[in-house]
């Protein structure tokens, strides 16, 4: 989980994402945060595995579990697919990123 947070900071995406934690989860949504209901991505790491779940207000949830070392890549896959947020310094797709 710490690697995911470090990658958000490294890619300067903290201005694009809002997050909170619980004892077991990292919960992320795009900024600005709208009034409820809000779609979120929940990240949980247990026993060497990472589970990332897109929780939607429509119930069309998506969940993937992989070995923990795949967590950062899987997190960014969800950010791109679910929220359109790319891991570049500007948060833009790579072909639109500032030089």
C-alpha atoms as a PDB file:
ATOM      1  CA  UNK A   1       0.000   0.000   0.000  1.00  0.00           C
ATOM      2  CA  UNK A   2       2.852   2.348   0.800  1.00  0.00           C
ATOM      3  CA  UNK A   3       4.224   1.785  -2.715  1.00  0.00           C
ATOM      4  CA  UNK A   4       0.870   2.900  -4.148  1.00  0.00           C
ATOM      5  CA  UNK A   5       0.875   6.076  -2.046  1.00  0.00           C
ATOM      6  CA  UNK A   6       4.505   6.737  -3.042  1.00  0.00           C
ATOM      7  CA  UNK A   7       3.581   6.350  -6.714  1.00  0.00           C
ATOM      8  CA  UNK A   8       0.701   8.828  -6.377  1.00  0.00           C
ATOM      9  CA  UNK A   9       3.148  11.365  -4.928  1.00  0.00           C
ATOM     10  CA  UNK A  10       5.853  10.566  -7.511  1.00  0.00           C
ATOM     11  CA  UNK A  11       3.401  11.113 -10.363  1.00  0.00           C
ATOM     12  CA  UNK A  12       2.101  14.303  -8.706  1.00  0.00           C
ATOM     13  CA  UNK A  13      -1.415  12.860  -8.773  1.00  0.00           C
ATOM     14  CA  UNK A  14      -2.337  13.917  -5.231  1.00  0.00           C
ATOM     15  CA  UNK A  15      -4.071  16.967  -6.737  1.00  0.00           C
ATOM     16  CA  UNK A  16      -6.259  14.607  -8.788  1.00  0.00           C
ATOM     17  CA  UNK A  17      -7.117  12.003  -6.165  1.00  0.00           C
ATOM     18  CA  UNK A  18      -8.762  12.121  -2.752  1.00  0.00           C
ATOM     19  CA  UNK A  19      -8.077   9.265  -0.390  1.00  0.00           C
ATOM     20  CA  UNK A  20      -8.745   7.944   3.055  1.00  0.00           C
ATOM     21  CA  UNK A  21      -7.711   4.875   4.968  1.00  0.00           C
ATOM     22  CA  UNK A  22      -9.195   2.445   7.383  1.00  0.00           C
ATOM     23  CA  UNK A  23      -7.371  -0.177   9.368  1.00  0.00           C
ATOM     24  CA  UNK A  24      -7.209  -2.424   6.304  1.00  0.00           C
ATOM     25  CA  UNK A  25      -8.109  -0.330   3.258  1.00  0.00           C
ATOM     26  CA  UNK A  26      -7.005   2.569   1.116  1.00  0.00           C
ATOM     27  CA  UNK A  27     -10.040   4.215  -0.483  1.00  0.00           C
ATOM     28  CA  UNK A  28      -9.564   6.567  -3.449  1.00  0.00           C
ATOM     29  CA  UNK A  29     -11.847   8.725  -5.595  1.00  0.00           C
ATOM     30  CA  UNK A  30     -11.161  11.522  -8.093  1.00  0.00           C
ATOM     31  CA  UNK A  31     -11.116  15.169  -7.033  1.00  0.00           C
ATOM     32  CA  UNK A  32     -13.201  17.183  -6.724  1.00  0.00           C
ATOM     33  CA  UNK A  33     -15.247  14.865  -4.546  1.00  0.00           C
ATOM     34  CA  UNK A  34     -18.906  15.160  -5.420  1.00  0.00           C
ATOM     35  CA  UNK A  35     -21.922  14.755  -3.190  1.00  0.00           C
ATOM     36  CA  UNK A  36     -22.850  11.119  -2.466  1.00  0.00           C
ATOM     37  CA  UNK A  37     -23.178   8.665  -4.010  1.00  0.00           C
ATOM     38  CA  UNK A  38     -19.489   8.510  -4.960  1.00  0.00           C
ATOM     39  CA  UNK A  39     -17.677   5.799  -6.912  1.00  0.00           C
ATOM     40  CA  UNK A  40     -14.467   4.691  -5.201  1.00  0.00           C
ATOM     41  CA  UNK A  41     -11.575   2.304  -5.635  1.00  0.00           C
ATOM     42  CA  UNK A  42     -10.766   0.275  -2.536  1.00  0.00           C
ATOM     43  CA  UNK A  43      -7.316  -1.293  -2.095  1.00  0.00           C
ATOM     44  CA  UNK A  44      -6.704  -4.020   0.482  1.00  0.00           C
ATOM     45  CA  UNK A  45      -3.496  -5.958   1.088  1.00  0.00           C
ATOM     46  CA  UNK A  46      -3.557  -9.213   3.045  1.00  0.00           C
ATOM     47  CA  UNK A  47      -1.221 -12.188   3.282  1.00  0.00           C
ATOM     48  CA  UNK A  48       0.910 -11.212   0.268  1.00  0.00           C
ATOM     49  CA  UNK A  49      -2.080 -10.450  -1.963  1.00  0.00           C
ATOM     50  CA  UNK A  50      -3.607  -7.166  -3.059  1.00  0.00           C
ATOM     51  CA  UNK A  51      -7.292  -6.791  -3.850  1.00  0.00           C
ATOM     52  CA  UNK A  52      -8.462  -3.759  -5.782  1.00  0.00           C
ATOM     53  CA  UNK A  53     -12.166  -3.151  -6.165  1.00  0.00           C
ATOM     54  CA  UNK A  54     -14.081  -0.451  -8.013  1.00  0.00           C
ATOM     55  CA  UNK A  55     -17.240   0.171  -5.991  1.00  0.00           C
ATOM     56  CA  UNK A  56     -19.946   2.022  -7.891  1.00  0.00           C
ATOM     57  CA  UNK A  57     -23.259   3.491  -6.852  1.00  0.00           C
ATOM     58  CA  UNK A  58     -24.877   1.547  -9.704  1.00  0.00           C
ATOM     59  CA  UNK A  59     -23.659  -1.800  -8.378  1.00  0.00           C
ATOM     60  CA  UNK A  60     -21.472  -2.531 -11.402  1.00  0.00           C
ATOM     61  CA  UNK A  61     -18.487  -3.301  -9.206  1.00  0.00           C
ATOM     62  CA  UNK A  62     -15.207  -4.722 -10.507  1.00  0.00           C
ATOM     63  CA  UNK A  63     -12.695  -6.654  -8.381  1.00  0.00           C
ATOM     64  CA  UNK A  64      -9.246  -8.109  -9.070  1.00  0.00           C
ATOM     65  CA  UNK A  65      -6.841  -9.908  -6.745  1.00  0.00           C
ATOM     66  CA  UNK A  66      -3.149 -10.353  -7.561  1.00  0.00           C
ATOM     67  CA  UNK A  67       0.179 -10.887  -5.754  1.00  0.00           C
ATOM     68  CA  UNK A  68       1.093  -7.759  -3.736  1.00  0.00           C
ATOM     69  CA  UNK A  69       4.098  -6.936  -5.951  1.00  0.00           C
ATOM     70  CA  UNK A  70       1.637  -6.178  -8.786  1.00  0.00           C
ATOM     71  CA  UNK A  71      -0.251  -3.649  -6.639  1.00  0.00           C
ATOM     72  CA  UNK A  72       1.086  -0.388  -8.085  1.00  0.00           C
ATOM     73  CA  UNK A  73       0.513  -1.393 -11.707  1.00  0.00           C
ATOM     74  CA  UNK A  74      -2.947  -2.726 -10.863  1.00  0.00           C
ATOM     75  CA  UNK A  75      -3.843   0.460  -8.965  1.00  0.00           C
ATOM     76  CA  UNK A  76      -2.920   2.636 -11.955  1.00  0.00           C
ATOM     77  CA  UNK A  77      -4.807   0.325 -14.300  1.00  0.00           C
ATOM     78  CA  UNK A  78      -7.927   0.990 -12.222  1.00  0.00           C
ATOM     79  CA  UNK A  79      -7.264   4.753 -12.090  1.00  0.00           C
ATOM     80  CA  UNK A  80      -6.996   4.868 -15.895  1.00  0.00           C
ATOM     81  CA  UNK A  81      -9.930   2.570 -16.660  1.00  0.00           C
ATOM     82  CA  UNK A  82     -12.357   3.767 -13.995  1.00  0.00           C
ATOM     83  CA  UNK A  83     -11.507   7.457 -13.546  1.00  0.00           C
ATOM     84  CA  UNK A  84      -9.403   8.416 -16.609  1.00  0.00           C
ATOM     85  CA  UNK A  85      -6.478   9.463 -14.387  1.00  0.00           C
ATOM     86  CA  UNK A  86      -3.085   8.560 -15.855  1.00  0.00           C
ATOM     87  CA  UNK A  87       0.200   8.135 -13.965  1.00  0.00           C
ATOM     88  CA  UNK A  88       1.986  11.087 -15.531  1.00  0.00           C
ATOM     89  CA  UNK A  89       3.197  14.255 -13.797  1.00  0.00           C
ATOM     90  CA  UNK A  90       0.205  16.182 -15.186  1.00  0.00           C
ATOM     91  CA  UNK A  91      -2.359  13.405 -14.812  1.00  0.00           C
ATOM     92  CA  UNK A  92      -2.979  13.594 -18.563  1.00  0.00           C
ATOM     93  CA  UNK A  93      -2.737  10.620 -20.895  1.00  0.00           C
ATOM     94  CA  UNK A  94       0.921  10.022 -21.903  1.00  0.00           C
ATOM     95  CA  UNK A  95       0.372  11.433 -25.423  1.00  0.00           C
ATOM     96  CA  UNK A  96      -1.051  14.621 -23.903  1.00  0.00           C
ATOM     97  CA  UNK A  97       1.413  15.038 -21.012  1.00  0.00           C
ATOM     98  CA  UNK A  98       3.397  18.257 -20.723  1.00  0.00           C
ATOM     99  CA  UNK A  99       7.006  17.906 -21.944  1.00  0.00           C
END
